[in-house]
Amino acid sequence: MIGPPARWERFAARRRRREQERQVAGHTPSESYACRECEHPWPCPQARLALLVGFAGDRVGLLMYLGAHLARALQQRPDTHPALIVSQLLHWVPRRR
């Protein structure tokens, strides 16, 4: 049986690896939540693919990450209808099978 410190180290290593993969992708959101690389609404198709690969089936983690971006986007874009921001950031995530 693995103890709590060993589990925490494995979790932290996975998290660091995911962060590095996301930073390498290059398609990151700007202040207006447009992609810095291609200027499409973020997450653009390349960013979506990078996020799916980076989170490797961890749908809950992906939704929590996007939820944090949702909170920031709602604060940064108060003039945009919230339903539009939610559909841009969350509705592309694949459903469970």
C-alpha atoms as a PDB file:
ATOM      1  CA  MET A   1       0.000   0.000   0.000  1.00  0.00           C
ATOM      2  CA  ILE A   2       1.247   3.452  -0.914  1.00  0.00           C
ATOM      3  CA  GLY A   3       1.254   6.058   1.828  1.00  0.00           C
ATOM      4  CA  PRO A   4      -0.046   9.617   1.545  1.00  0.00           C
ATOM      5  CA  PRO A   5       3.386  11.221   0.853  1.00  0.00           C
ATOM      6  CA  ALA A   6       4.057   8.887  -2.090  1.00  0.00           C
ATOM      7  CA  ARG A   7       0.581   9.525  -3.511  1.00  0.00           C
ATOM      8  CA  TRP A   8       1.090  13.253  -3.160  1.00  0.00           C
ATOM      9  CA  GLU A   9       4.419  13.086  -5.003  1.00  0.00           C
ATOM     10  CA  ARG A  10       2.834  11.173  -7.898  1.00  0.00           C
ATOM     11  CA  PHE A  11      -0.023  13.677  -8.048  1.00  0.00           C
ATOM     12  CA  ALA A  12       2.389  16.649  -7.985  1.00  0.00           C
ATOM     13  CA  ALA A  13       4.526  15.101 -10.744  1.00  0.00           C
ATOM     14  CA  ARG A  14       1.448  14.585 -12.965  1.00  0.00           C
ATOM     15  CA  ARG A  15       0.361  18.151 -12.311  1.00  0.00           C
ATOM     16  CA  ARG A  16       3.799  19.568 -13.191  1.00  0.00           C
ATOM     17  CA  ARG A  17       3.849  17.510 -16.394  1.00  0.00           C
ATOM     18  CA  ARG A  18       0.418  18.812 -17.401  1.00  0.00           C
ATOM     19  CA  GLU A  19       1.445  22.425 -16.739  1.00  0.00           C
ATOM     20  CA  GLN A  20       4.547  22.016 -18.900  1.00  0.00           C
ATOM     21  CA  GLU A  21       2.508  20.489 -21.733  1.00  0.00           C
ATOM     22  CA  ARG A  22       0.020  23.342 -21.591  1.00  0.00           C
ATOM     23  CA  GLN A  23       2.741  25.987 -21.675  1.00  0.00           C
ATOM     24  CA  VAL A  24       4.426  24.364 -24.681  1.00  0.00           C
ATOM     25  CA  ALA A  25       1.187  24.420 -26.652  1.00  0.00           C
ATOM     26  CA  GLY A  26       1.400  28.206 -27.284  1.00  0.00           C
ATOM     27  CA  HIS A  27      -2.340  28.672 -27.819  1.00  0.00           C
ATOM     28  CA  THR A  28      -3.102  30.537 -24.604  1.00  0.00           C
ATOM     29  CA  PRO A  29      -5.886  33.037 -23.855  1.00  0.00           C
ATOM     30  CA  SER A  30      -5.364  36.779 -24.014  1.00  0.00           C
ATOM     31  CA  GLU A  31      -7.166  39.346 -21.844  1.00  0.00           C
ATOM     32  CA  SER A  32     -10.194  39.217 -24.148  1.00  0.00           C
ATOM     33  CA  TYR A  33     -10.126  35.394 -24.275  1.00  0.00           C
ATOM     34  CA  ALA A  34      -8.966  35.249 -27.862  1.00  0.00           C
ATOM     35  CA  CYS A  35      -6.085  32.898 -28.687  1.00  0.00           C
ATOM     36  CA  ARG A  36      -2.728  34.692 -28.618  1.00  0.00           C
ATOM     37  CA  GLU A  37      -1.402  32.515 -31.438  1.00  0.00           C
ATOM     38  CA  CYS A  38      -4.247  32.422 -33.998  1.00  0.00           C
ATOM     39  CA  GLU A  39      -6.682  35.055 -32.578  1.00  0.00           C
ATOM     40  CA  HIS A  40      -9.724  32.738 -32.707  1.00  0.00           C
ATOM     41  CA  PRO A  41     -11.948  32.571 -29.605  1.00  0.00           C
ATOM     42  CA  TRP A  42     -10.072  30.615 -26.927  1.00  0.00           C
ATOM     43  CA  PRO A  43      -9.952  27.636 -26.684  1.00  0.00           C
ATOM     44  CA  CYS A  44      -9.295  27.372 -30.412  1.00  0.00           C
ATOM     45  CA  PRO A  45      -9.237  23.896 -32.019  1.00  0.00           C
ATOM     46  CA  GLN A  46      -5.484  23.556 -31.398  1.00  0.00           C
ATOM     47  CA  ALA A  47      -5.868  24.575 -27.747  1.00  0.00           C
ATOM     48  CA  ARG A  48      -8.771  22.143 -27.309  1.00  0.00           C
ATOM     49  CA  LEU A  49      -6.665  19.294 -28.639  1.00  0.00           C
ATOM     50  CA  ALA A  50      -3.731  20.296 -26.431  1.00  0.00           C
ATOM     51  CA  LEU A  51      -6.015  20.452 -23.379  1.00  0.00           C
ATOM     52  CA  LEU A  52      -7.540  17.046 -24.098  1.00  0.00           C
ATOM     53  CA  VAL A  53      -4.103  15.481 -24.541  1.00  0.00           C
ATOM     54  CA  GLY A  54      -2.687  17.324 -21.530  1.00  0.00           C
ATOM     55  CA  PHE A  55      -5.448  16.228 -19.196  1.00  0.00           C
ATOM     56  CA  ALA A  56      -5.404  12.683 -20.649  1.00  0.00           C
ATOM     57  CA  GLY A  57      -8.929  11.625 -19.773  1.00  0.00           C
ATOM     58  CA  ASP A  58      -9.172  13.608 -16.528  1.00  0.00           C
ATOM     59  CA  ARG A  59     -12.476  15.240 -17.442  1.00  0.00           C
ATOM     60  CA  VAL A  60     -13.105  16.619 -13.951  1.00  0.00           C
ATOM     61  CA  GLY A  61      -9.672  18.241 -13.840  1.00  0.00           C
ATOM     62  CA  LEU A  62     -10.219  19.745 -17.283  1.00  0.00           C
ATOM     63  CA  LEU A  63     -13.599  21.159 -16.262  1.00  0.00           C
ATOM     64  CA  MET A  64     -12.125  22.617 -13.068  1.00  0.00           C
ATOM     65  CA  TYR A  65      -9.340  24.261 -15.088  1.00  0.00           C
ATOM     66  CA  LEU A  66     -11.853  25.686 -17.557  1.00  0.00           C
ATOM     67  CA  GLY A  67     -14.089  26.751 -14.659  1.00  0.00           C
ATOM     68  CA  ALA A  68     -11.253  28.885 -13.296  1.00  0.00           C
ATOM     69  CA  HIS A  69     -10.894  30.456 -16.742  1.00  0.00           C
ATOM     70  CA  LEU A  70     -14.672  30.961 -16.810  1.00  0.00           C
ATOM     71  CA  ALA A  71     -14.549  32.951 -13.565  1.00  0.00           C
ATOM     72  CA  ARG A  72     -11.745  35.139 -14.957  1.00  0.00           C
ATOM     73  CA  ALA A  73     -13.513  35.617 -18.288  1.00  0.00           C
ATOM     74  CA  LEU A  74     -16.735  36.673 -16.580  1.00  0.00           C
ATOM     75  CA  GLN A  75     -14.792  39.329 -14.645  1.00  0.00           C
ATOM     76  CA  GLN A  76     -12.784  40.535 -17.637  1.00  0.00           C
ATOM     77  CA  ARG A  77     -15.719  40.658 -20.058  1.00  0.00           C
ATOM     78  CA  PRO A  78     -18.662  42.110 -18.100  1.00  0.00           C
ATOM     79  CA  ASP A  79     -20.311  43.432 -21.270  1.00  0.00           C
ATOM     80  CA  THR A  80     -20.594  39.951 -22.844  1.00  0.00           C
ATOM     81  CA  HIS A  81     -23.600  37.761 -22.025  1.00  0.00           C
ATOM     82  CA  PRO A  82     -22.539  35.003 -19.580  1.00  0.00           C
ATOM     83  CA  ALA A  83     -24.171  32.255 -21.667  1.00  0.00           C
ATOM     84  CA  LEU A  84     -21.903  33.128 -24.597  1.00  0.00           C
ATOM     85  CA  ILE A  85     -18.809  32.870 -22.426  1.00  0.00           C
ATOM     86  CA  VAL A  86     -19.954  29.557 -20.938  1.00  0.00           C
ATOM     87  CA  SER A  87     -20.604  28.089 -24.374  1.00  0.00           C
ATOM     88  CA  GLN A  88     -17.196  29.281 -25.610  1.00  0.00           C
ATOM     89  CA  LEU A  89     -15.280  27.774 -22.694  1.00  0.00           C
ATOM     90  CA  LEU A  90     -17.222  24.704 -21.566  1.00  0.00           C
ATOM     91  CA  HIS A  91     -19.586  23.285 -24.159  1.00  0.00           C
ATOM     92  CA  TRP A  92     -16.875  21.719 -26.322  1.00  0.00           C
ATOM     93  CA  VAL A  93     -15.732  19.282 -23.601  1.00  0.00           C
ATOM     94  CA  PRO A  94     -16.678  15.710 -24.570  1.00  0.00           C
ATOM     95  CA  ARG A  95     -19.363  14.041 -22.492  1.00  0.00           C
ATOM     96  CA  ARG A  96     -18.813  10.869 -20.520  1.00  0.00           C
ATOM     97  CA  ARG A  97     -19.626   7.636 -22.261  1.00  0.00           C
END
